[in-house]
Amino acid sequence: MRRIEKKTVPDLFEKVLNGEKNFDLRIAEFECEVGDVLVLREWDSEIKEYTGRQMEKTVTFVMKTKDLRFWSQEDIDELGFVVMSFK
């Protein structure tokens, strides 16, 4: 089991906190598997600092793909994607 720490912007952090969002989509630049703990740390991009709020979620599903177009083609070709659902 790994602990994976990731920055999360305030609006998405709040959606996870209130139960509206139960997945995460990231560039697959790290290893992740079911049972890992995802530590979401709220990041304020305006002041470029963590807010101090964080939460932990257990990864329940992992899917890797290279078939989405949110990032540069170079990053997609090199790293692919990771989609995580959590509870």
PDB file of N, CA and C in Angstrom:
ATOM      1  N   MET A   1       0.844  -1.186   0.000  1.00  0.00           N
ATOM      2  CA  MET A   1       0.000   0.000   0.000  1.00  0.00           C
ATOM      3  C   MET A   1       0.884   1.243   0.000  1.00  0.00           C
ATOM      4  N   ARG A   2       0.568   2.157  -0.895  1.00  0.00           N
ATOM      5  CA  ARG A   2       1.293   3.422  -0.984  1.00  0.00           C
ATOM      6  C   ARG A   2       0.443   4.558  -0.429  1.00  0.00           C
ATOM      7  N   ARG A   3       1.106   5.630  -0.030  1.00  0.00           N
ATOM      8  CA  ARG A   3       0.442   6.904   0.268  1.00  0.00           C
ATOM      9  C   ARG A   3       0.861   7.841  -0.862  1.00  0.00           C
ATOM     10  N   ILE A   4      -0.119   8.345  -1.586  1.00  0.00           N
ATOM     11  CA  ILE A   4       0.136   9.186  -2.744  1.00  0.00           C
ATOM     12  C   ILE A   4      -0.397  10.578  -2.427  1.00  0.00           C
ATOM     13  N   GLU A   5       0.490  11.561  -2.325  1.00  0.00           N
ATOM     14  CA  GLU A   5       0.078  12.934  -2.021  1.00  0.00           C
ATOM     15  C   GLU A   5      -0.031  13.732  -3.310  1.00  0.00           C
ATOM     16  N   LYS A   6      -1.177  14.419  -3.483  1.00  0.00           N
ATOM     17  CA  LYS A   6      -1.419  15.222  -4.679  1.00  0.00           C
ATOM     18  C   LYS A   6      -2.054  16.552  -4.312  1.00  0.00           C
ATOM     19  N   LYS A   7      -1.661  17.587  -5.058  1.00  0.00           N
ATOM     20  CA  LYS A   7      -2.279  18.910  -4.918  1.00  0.00           C
ATOM     21  C   LYS A   7      -3.680  18.854  -5.517  1.00  0.00           C
ATOM     22  N   THR A   8      -4.604  19.615  -4.927  1.00  0.00           N
ATOM     23  CA  THR A   8      -5.960  19.738  -5.452  1.00  0.00           C
ATOM     24  C   THR A   8      -6.416  21.177  -5.272  1.00  0.00           C
ATOM     25  N   VAL A   9      -6.969  21.751  -6.327  1.00  0.00           N
ATOM     26  CA  VAL A   9      -7.456  23.134  -6.250  1.00  0.00           C
ATOM     27  C   VAL A   9      -8.697  23.195  -5.365  1.00  0.00           C
ATOM     28  N   PRO A  10      -8.958  24.355  -4.744  1.00  0.00           N
ATOM     29  CA  PRO A  10     -10.039  24.462  -3.764  1.00  0.00           C
ATOM     30  C   PRO A  10     -11.422  24.013  -4.245  1.00  0.00           C
ATOM     31  N   ASP A  11     -11.827  24.362  -5.468  1.00  0.00           N
ATOM     32  CA  ASP A  11     -13.172  23.974  -5.899  1.00  0.00           C
ATOM     33  C   ASP A  11     -13.320  22.460  -6.025  1.00  0.00           C
ATOM     34  N   LEU A  12     -12.288  21.774  -6.522  1.00  0.00           N
ATOM     35  CA  LEU A  12     -12.355  20.316  -6.617  1.00  0.00           C
ATOM     36  C   LEU A  12     -12.188  19.654  -5.246  1.00  0.00           C
ATOM     37  N   PHE A  13     -11.354  20.231  -4.388  1.00  0.00           N
ATOM     38  CA  PHE A  13     -11.213  19.729  -3.023  1.00  0.00           C
ATOM     39  C   PHE A  13     -12.572  19.739  -2.336  1.00  0.00           C
ATOM     40  N   GLU A  14     -13.293  20.842  -2.474  1.00  0.00           N
ATOM     41  CA  GLU A  14     -14.604  20.983  -1.833  1.00  0.00           C
ATOM     42  C   GLU A  14     -15.604  19.966  -2.372  1.00  0.00           C
ATOM     43  N   LYS A  15     -15.557  19.687  -3.665  1.00  0.00           N
ATOM     44  CA  LYS A  15     -16.463  18.696  -4.259  1.00  0.00           C
ATOM     45  C   LYS A  15     -16.180  17.292  -3.739  1.00  0.00           C
ATOM     46  N   VAL A  16     -14.931  16.975  -3.522  1.00  0.00           N
ATOM     47  CA  VAL A  16     -14.595  15.677  -2.924  1.00  0.00           C
ATOM     48  C   VAL A  16     -15.064  15.658  -1.474  1.00  0.00           C
ATOM     49  N   LEU A  17     -14.809  16.742  -0.763  1.00  0.00           N
ATOM     50  CA  LEU A  17     -15.178  16.837   0.648  1.00  0.00           C
ATOM     51  C   LEU A  17     -16.682  16.643   0.856  1.00  0.00           C
ATOM     52  N   ASN A  18     -17.502  17.245  -0.018  1.00  0.00           N
ATOM     53  CA  ASN A  18     -18.953  17.129   0.166  1.00  0.00           C
ATOM     54  C   ASN A  18     -19.561  15.905  -0.515  1.00  0.00           C
ATOM     55  N   GLY A  19     -18.722  15.058  -1.124  1.00  0.00           N
ATOM     56  CA  GLY A  19     -19.197  13.805  -1.706  1.00  0.00           C
ATOM     57  C   GLY A  19     -19.671  13.894  -3.141  1.00  0.00           C
ATOM     58  N   GLU A  20     -19.590  15.086  -3.726  1.00  0.00           N
ATOM     59  CA  GLU A  20     -20.031  15.269  -5.104  1.00  0.00           C
ATOM     60  C   GLU A  20     -19.076  14.610  -6.112  1.00  0.00           C
ATOM     61  N   LYS A  21     -17.783  14.585  -5.794  1.00  0.00           N
ATOM     62  CA  LYS A  21     -16.754  14.033  -6.680  1.00  0.00           C
ATOM     63  C   LYS A  21     -16.069  12.865  -5.970  1.00  0.00           C
ATOM     64  N   ASN A  22     -16.044  11.689  -6.618  1.00  0.00           N
ATOM     65  CA  ASN A  22     -15.421  10.513  -5.988  1.00  0.00           C
ATOM     66  C   ASN A  22     -14.424   9.827  -6.914  1.00  0.00           C
ATOM     67  N   PHE A  23     -13.765  10.626  -7.756  1.00  0.00           N
ATOM     68  CA  PHE A  23     -12.735  10.100  -8.644  1.00  0.00           C
ATOM     69  C   PHE A  23     -11.682  11.185  -8.850  1.00  0.00           C
ATOM     70  N   ASP A  24     -10.550  10.801  -9.434  1.00  0.00           N
ATOM     71  CA  ASP A  24      -9.521  11.772  -9.761  1.00  0.00           C
ATOM     72  C   ASP A  24      -8.884  11.364 -11.070  1.00  0.00           C
ATOM     73  N   LEU A  25      -8.562  12.328 -11.911  1.00  0.00           N
ATOM     74  CA  LEU A  25      -7.909  12.100 -13.192  1.00  0.00           C
ATOM     75  C   LEU A  25      -6.579  12.835 -13.174  1.00  0.00           C
ATOM     76  N   ARG A  26      -5.513  12.105 -13.423  1.00  0.00           N
ATOM     77  CA  ARG A  26      -4.160  12.677 -13.373  1.00  0.00           C
ATOM     78  C   ARG A  26      -3.324  12.109 -14.503  1.00  0.00           C
ATOM     79  N   ILE A  27      -2.269  12.823 -14.865  1.00  0.00           N
ATOM     80  CA  ILE A  27      -1.233  12.241 -15.714  1.00  0.00           C
ATOM     81  C   ILE A  27      -0.637  11.077 -14.926  1.00  0.00           C
ATOM     82  N   ALA A  28      -0.396   9.964 -15.586  1.00  0.00           N
ATOM     83  CA  ALA A  28       0.066   8.746 -14.913  1.00  0.00           C
ATOM     84  C   ALA A  28       1.574   8.775 -14.678  1.00  0.00           C
ATOM     85  N   GLU A  29       2.015   9.759 -13.907  1.00  0.00           N
ATOM     86  CA  GLU A  29       3.446   9.913 -13.625  1.00  0.00           C
ATOM     87  C   GLU A  29       3.850   9.210 -12.333  1.00  0.00           C
ATOM     88  N   PHE A  30       2.947   8.402 -11.795  1.00  0.00           N
ATOM     89  CA  PHE A  30       3.204   7.706 -10.536  1.00  0.00           C
ATOM     90  C   PHE A  30       2.480   6.363 -10.569  1.00  0.00           C
ATOM     91  N   GLU A  31       2.933   5.446  -9.741  1.00  0.00           N
ATOM     92  CA  GLU A  31       2.283   4.138  -9.615  1.00  0.00           C
ATOM     93  C   GLU A  31       1.092   4.263  -8.682  1.00  0.00           C
ATOM     94  N   CYS A  32       0.032   3.548  -8.986  1.00  0.00           N
ATOM     95  CA  CYS A  32      -1.173   3.591  -8.171  1.00  0.00           C
ATOM     96  C   CYS A  32      -1.917   2.280  -8.346  1.00  0.00           C
ATOM     97  N   GLU A  33      -2.409   1.725  -7.251  1.00  0.00           N
ATOM     98  CA  GLU A  33      -3.207   0.507  -7.343  1.00  0.00           C
ATOM     99  C   GLU A  33      -4.278   0.504  -6.261  1.00  0.00           C
ATOM    100  N   VAL A  34      -5.255  -0.364  -6.439  1.00  0.00           N
ATOM    101  CA  VAL A  34      -6.350  -0.486  -5.480  1.00  0.00           C
ATOM    102  C   VAL A  34      -5.773  -0.726  -4.090  1.00  0.00           C
ATOM    103  N   GLY A  35      -6.297  -0.009  -3.106  1.00  0.00           N
ATOM    104  CA  GLY A  35      -5.831  -0.125  -1.726  1.00  0.00           C
ATOM    105  C   GLY A  35      -4.872   0.974  -1.312  1.00  0.00           C
ATOM    106  N   ASP A  36      -4.278   1.667  -2.291  1.00  0.00           N
ATOM    107  CA  ASP A  36      -3.397   2.790  -1.959  1.00  0.00           C
ATOM    108  C   ASP A  36      -4.220   3.911  -1.319  1.00  0.00           C
ATOM    109  N   VAL A  37      -3.535   4.772  -0.583  1.00  0.00           N
ATOM    110  CA  VAL A  37      -4.202   5.921   0.050  1.00  0.00           C
ATOM    111  C   VAL A  37      -3.824   7.177  -0.718  1.00  0.00           C
ATOM    112  N   LEU A  38      -4.840   7.863  -1.222  1.00  0.00           N
ATOM    113  CA  LEU A  38      -4.653   9.122  -1.929  1.00  0.00           C
ATOM    114  C   LEU A  38      -4.846  10.256  -0.928  1.00  0.00           C
ATOM    115  N   VAL A  39      -3.792  11.038  -0.714  1.00  0.00           N
ATOM    116  CA  VAL A  39      -3.851  12.184   0.192  1.00  0.00           C
ATOM    117  C   VAL A  39      -4.020  13.427  -0.675  1.00  0.00           C
ATOM    118  N   LEU A  40      -5.190  14.033  -0.596  1.00  0.00           N
ATOM    119  CA  LEU A  40      -5.475  15.245  -1.359  1.00  0.00           C
ATOM    120  C   LEU A  40      -5.183  16.452  -0.487  1.00  0.00           C
ATOM    121  N   ARG A  41      -4.267  17.293  -0.946  1.00  0.00           N
ATOM    122  CA  ARG A  41      -3.881  18.496  -0.208  1.00  0.00           C
ATOM    123  C   ARG A  41      -4.362  19.711  -0.981  1.00  0.00           C
ATOM    124  N   GLU A  42      -5.174  20.527  -0.343  1.00  0.00           N
ATOM    125  CA  GLU A  42      -5.734  21.700  -1.005  1.00  0.00           C
ATOM    126  C   GLU A  42      -4.632  22.722  -1.290  1.00  0.00           C
ATOM    127  N   TRP A  43      -4.549  23.167  -2.541  1.00  0.00           N
ATOM    128  CA  TRP A  43      -3.518  24.092  -3.008  1.00  0.00           C
ATOM    129  C   TRP A  43      -4.164  25.361  -3.543  1.00  0.00           C
ATOM    130  N   ASP A  44      -3.741  26.492  -3.023  1.00  0.00           N
ATOM    131  CA  ASP A  44      -4.212  27.787  -3.509  1.00  0.00           C
ATOM    132  C   ASP A  44      -3.229  28.279  -4.563  1.00  0.00           C
ATOM    133  N   SER A  45      -3.628  28.213  -5.815  1.00  0.00           N
ATOM    134  CA  SER A  45      -2.709  28.575  -6.903  1.00  0.00           C
ATOM    135  C   SER A  45      -2.468  30.083  -6.999  1.00  0.00           C
ATOM    136  N   GLU A  46      -3.325  30.887  -6.395  1.00  0.00           N
ATOM    137  CA  GLU A  46      -3.104  32.339  -6.423  1.00  0.00           C
ATOM    138  C   GLU A  46      -1.933  32.732  -5.536  1.00  0.00           C
ATOM    139  N   ILE A  47      -1.860  32.151  -4.347  1.00  0.00           N
ATOM    140  CA  ILE A  47      -0.757  32.487  -3.438  1.00  0.00           C
ATOM    141  C   ILE A  47       0.348  31.427  -3.453  1.00  0.00           C
ATOM    142  N   LYS A  48       0.107  30.358  -4.236  1.00  0.00           N
ATOM    143  CA  LYS A  48       1.086  29.273  -4.412  1.00  0.00           C
ATOM    144  C   LYS A  48       1.500  28.642  -3.078  1.00  0.00           C
ATOM    145  N   GLU A  49       0.470  28.317  -2.280  1.00  0.00           N
ATOM    146  CA  GLU A  49       0.694  27.666  -0.987  1.00  0.00           C
ATOM    147  C   GLU A  49      -0.424  26.683  -0.709  1.00  0.00           C
ATOM    148  N   TYR A  50      -0.101  25.685   0.119  1.00  0.00           N
ATOM    149  CA  TYR A  50      -1.139  24.787   0.617  1.00  0.00           C
ATOM    150  C   TYR A  50      -1.983  25.539   1.639  1.00  0.00           C
ATOM    151  N   THR A  51      -3.282  25.231   1.682  1.00  0.00           N
ATOM    152  CA  THR A  51      -4.186  25.902   2.614  1.00  0.00           C
ATOM    153  C   THR A  51      -4.124  25.286   4.009  1.00  0.00           C
ATOM    154  N   GLY A  52      -3.603  24.071   4.105  1.00  0.00           N
ATOM    155  CA  GLY A  52      -3.589  23.356   5.377  1.00  0.00           C
ATOM    156  C   GLY A  52      -4.661  22.283   5.445  1.00  0.00           C
ATOM    157  N   ARG A  53      -5.634  22.359   4.523  1.00  0.00           N
ATOM    158  CA  ARG A  53      -6.679  21.325   4.503  1.00  0.00           C
ATOM    159  C   ARG A  53      -6.202  20.148   3.663  1.00  0.00           C
ATOM    160  N   GLN A  54      -6.468  18.960   4.163  1.00  0.00           N
ATOM    161  CA  GLN A  54      -6.165  17.759   3.403  1.00  0.00           C
ATOM    162  C   GLN A  54      -7.129  16.656   3.819  1.00  0.00           C
ATOM    163  N   MET A  55      -7.233  15.644   2.968  1.00  0.00           N
ATOM    164  CA  MET A  55      -8.070  14.492   3.288  1.00  0.00           C
ATOM    165  C   MET A  55      -7.428  13.258   2.677  1.00  0.00           C
ATOM    166  N   GLU A  56      -7.783  12.114   3.217  1.00  0.00           N
ATOM    167  CA  GLU A  56      -7.280  10.844   2.710  1.00  0.00           C
ATOM    168  C   GLU A  56      -8.434  10.026   2.168  1.00  0.00           C
ATOM    169  N   LYS A  57      -8.200   9.405   1.002  1.00  0.00           N
ATOM    170  CA  LYS A  57      -9.186   8.553   0.362  1.00  0.00           C
ATOM    171  C   LYS A  57      -8.507   7.246  -0.034  1.00  0.00           C
ATOM    172  N   THR A  58      -9.218   6.144   0.109  1.00  0.00           N
ATOM    173  CA  THR A  58      -8.698   4.843  -0.303  1.00  0.00           C
ATOM    174  C   THR A  58      -9.044   4.611  -1.769  1.00  0.00           C
ATOM    175  N   VAL A  59      -8.052   4.270  -2.573  1.00  0.00           N
ATOM    176  CA  VAL A  59      -8.258   4.019  -3.995  1.00  0.00           C
ATOM    177  C   VAL A  59      -9.003   2.692  -4.153  1.00  0.00           C
ATOM    178  N   THR A  60     -10.134   2.712  -4.872  1.00  0.00           N
ATOM    179  CA  THR A  60     -10.963   1.520  -5.053  1.00  0.00           C
ATOM    180  C   THR A  60     -10.967   1.014  -6.491  1.00  0.00           C
ATOM    181  N   PHE A  61     -10.488   1.823  -7.432  1.00  0.00           N
ATOM    182  CA  PHE A  61     -10.476   1.436  -8.841  1.00  0.00           C
ATOM    183  C   PHE A  61      -9.397   2.241  -9.541  1.00  0.00           C
ATOM    184  N   VAL A  62      -8.659   1.606 -10.457  1.00  0.00           N
ATOM    185  CA  VAL A  62      -7.632   2.292 -11.236  1.00  0.00           C
ATOM    186  C   VAL A  62      -7.782   1.885 -12.698  1.00  0.00           C
ATOM    187  N   MET A  63      -7.782   2.860 -13.579  1.00  0.00           N
ATOM    188  CA  MET A  63      -7.809   2.605 -15.017  1.00  0.00           C
ATOM    189  C   MET A  63      -6.763   3.504 -15.664  1.00  0.00           C
ATOM    190  N   LYS A  64      -5.862   2.919 -16.420  1.00  0.00           N
ATOM    191  CA  LYS A  64      -4.878   3.709 -17.153  1.00  0.00           C
ATOM    192  C   LYS A  64      -5.247   3.685 -18.635  1.00  0.00           C
ATOM    193  N   THR A  65      -5.089   4.839 -19.301  1.00  0.00           N
ATOM    194  CA  THR A  65      -5.403   4.940 -20.719  1.00  0.00           C
ATOM    195  C   THR A  65      -4.560   6.033 -21.350  1.00  0.00           C
ATOM    196  N   LYS A  66      -4.483   6.021 -22.665  1.00  0.00           N
ATOM    197  CA  LYS A  66      -3.835   7.104 -23.413  1.00  0.00           C
ATOM    198  C   LYS A  66      -4.816   7.714 -24.401  1.00  0.00           C
ATOM    199  N   ASP A  67      -6.102   7.580 -24.124  1.00  0.00           N
ATOM    200  CA  ASP A  67      -7.121   7.935 -25.103  1.00  0.00           C
ATOM    201  C   ASP A  67      -7.905   9.202 -24.763  1.00  0.00           C
ATOM    202  N   LEU A  68      -7.383  10.089 -23.925  1.00  0.00           N
ATOM    203  CA  LEU A  68      -8.043  11.357 -23.590  1.00  0.00           C
ATOM    204  C   LEU A  68      -7.140  12.511 -24.008  1.00  0.00           C
ATOM    205  N   ARG A  69      -7.701  13.695 -24.228  1.00  0.00           N
ATOM    206  CA  ARG A  69      -6.933  14.806 -24.814  1.00  0.00           C
ATOM    207  C   ARG A  69      -6.923  16.081 -23.975  1.00  0.00           C
ATOM    208  N   PHE A  70      -6.719  16.004 -22.662  1.00  0.00           N
ATOM    209  CA  PHE A  70      -6.654  17.197 -21.822  1.00  0.00           C
ATOM    210  C   PHE A  70      -5.248  17.772 -21.723  1.00  0.00           C
ATOM    211  N   TRP A  71      -4.242  16.970 -21.930  1.00  0.00           N
ATOM    212  CA  TRP A  71      -2.852  17.397 -21.778  1.00  0.00           C
ATOM    213  C   TRP A  71      -2.157  17.356 -23.125  1.00  0.00           C
ATOM    214  N   SER A  72      -0.914  17.788 -23.153  1.00  0.00           N
ATOM    215  CA  SER A  72      -0.165  17.791 -24.411  1.00  0.00           C
ATOM    216  C   SER A  72      -0.009  16.363 -24.928  1.00  0.00           C
ATOM    217  N   GLN A  73       0.067  16.240 -26.250  1.00  0.00           N
ATOM    218  CA  GLN A  73       0.239  14.919 -26.857  1.00  0.00           C
ATOM    219  C   GLN A  73       1.545  14.284 -26.391  1.00  0.00           C
ATOM    220  N   GLU A  74       2.560  15.105 -26.167  1.00  0.00           N
ATOM    221  CA  GLU A  74       3.854  14.591 -25.693  1.00  0.00           C
ATOM    222  C   GLU A  74       3.706  13.914 -24.324  1.00  0.00           C
ATOM    223  N   ASP A  75       3.004  14.578 -23.385  1.00  0.00           N
ATOM    224  CA  ASP A  75       2.774  13.980 -22.059  1.00  0.00           C
ATOM    225  C   ASP A  75       1.909  12.726 -22.163  1.00  0.00           C
ATOM    226  N   ILE A  76       0.884  12.771 -23.002  1.00  0.00           N
ATOM    227  CA  ILE A  76       0.013  11.601 -23.168  1.00  0.00           C
ATOM    228  C   ILE A  76       0.814  10.434 -23.717  1.00  0.00           C
ATOM    229  N   ASP A  77       1.615  10.675 -24.749  1.00  0.00           N
ATOM    230  CA  ASP A  77       2.412   9.602 -25.344  1.00  0.00           C
ATOM    231  C   ASP A  77       3.405   9.024 -24.356  1.00  0.00           C
ATOM    232  N   GLU A  78       4.012   9.880 -23.540  1.00  0.00           N
ATOM    233  CA  GLU A  78       5.027   9.416 -22.596  1.00  0.00           C
ATOM    234  C   GLU A  78       4.422   8.741 -21.365  1.00  0.00           C
ATOM    235  N   LEU A  79       3.358   9.344 -20.796  1.00  0.00           N
ATOM    236  CA  LEU A  79       2.888   8.913 -19.484  1.00  0.00           C
ATOM    237  C   LEU A  79       1.513   8.250 -19.477  1.00  0.00           C
ATOM    238  N   GLY A  80       0.648   8.595 -20.410  1.00  0.00           N
ATOM    239  CA  GLY A  80      -0.722   8.091 -20.364  1.00  0.00           C
ATOM    240  C   GLY A  80      -1.499   8.791 -19.254  1.00  0.00           C
ATOM    241  N   PHE A  81      -2.606   8.181 -18.828  1.00  0.00           N
ATOM    242  CA  PHE A  81      -3.465   8.753 -17.790  1.00  0.00           C
ATOM    243  C   PHE A  81      -3.693   7.764 -16.672  1.00  0.00           C
ATOM    244  N   VAL A  82      -4.179   8.265 -15.564  1.00  0.00           N
ATOM    245  CA  VAL A  82      -4.659   7.418 -14.479  1.00  0.00           C
ATOM    246  C   VAL A  82      -5.974   8.014 -13.992  1.00  0.00           C
ATOM    247  N   VAL A  83      -6.988   7.185 -13.854  1.00  0.00           N
ATOM    248  CA  VAL A  83      -8.286   7.584 -13.287  1.00  0.00           C
ATOM    249  C   VAL A  83      -8.473   6.769 -12.031  1.00  0.00           C
ATOM    250  N   MET A  84      -8.780   7.436 -10.922  1.00  0.00           N
ATOM    251  CA  MET A  84      -8.944   6.751  -9.634  1.00  0.00           C
ATOM    252  C   MET A  84     -10.316   7.047  -9.073  1.00  0.00           C
ATOM    253  N   SER A  85     -10.996   6.030  -8.618  1.00  0.00           N
ATOM    254  CA  SER A  85     -12.195   6.268  -7.823  1.00  0.00           C
ATOM    255  C   SER A  85     -11.841   5.967  -6.387  1.00  0.00           C
ATOM    256  N   PHE A  86     -12.552   6.576  -5.469  1.00  0.00           N
ATOM    257  CA  PHE A  86     -12.205   6.383  -4.064  1.00  0.00           C
ATOM    258  C   PHE A  86     -13.428   6.466  -3.193  1.00  0.00           C
ATOM    259  N   LYS A  87     -13.267   6.017  -1.943  1.00  0.00           N
ATOM    260  CA  LYS A  87     -14.369   6.089  -0.980  1.00  0.00           C
ATOM    261  C   LYS A  87     -13.878   6.700   0.298  1.00  0.00           C
TER     262      LYS A  87
END
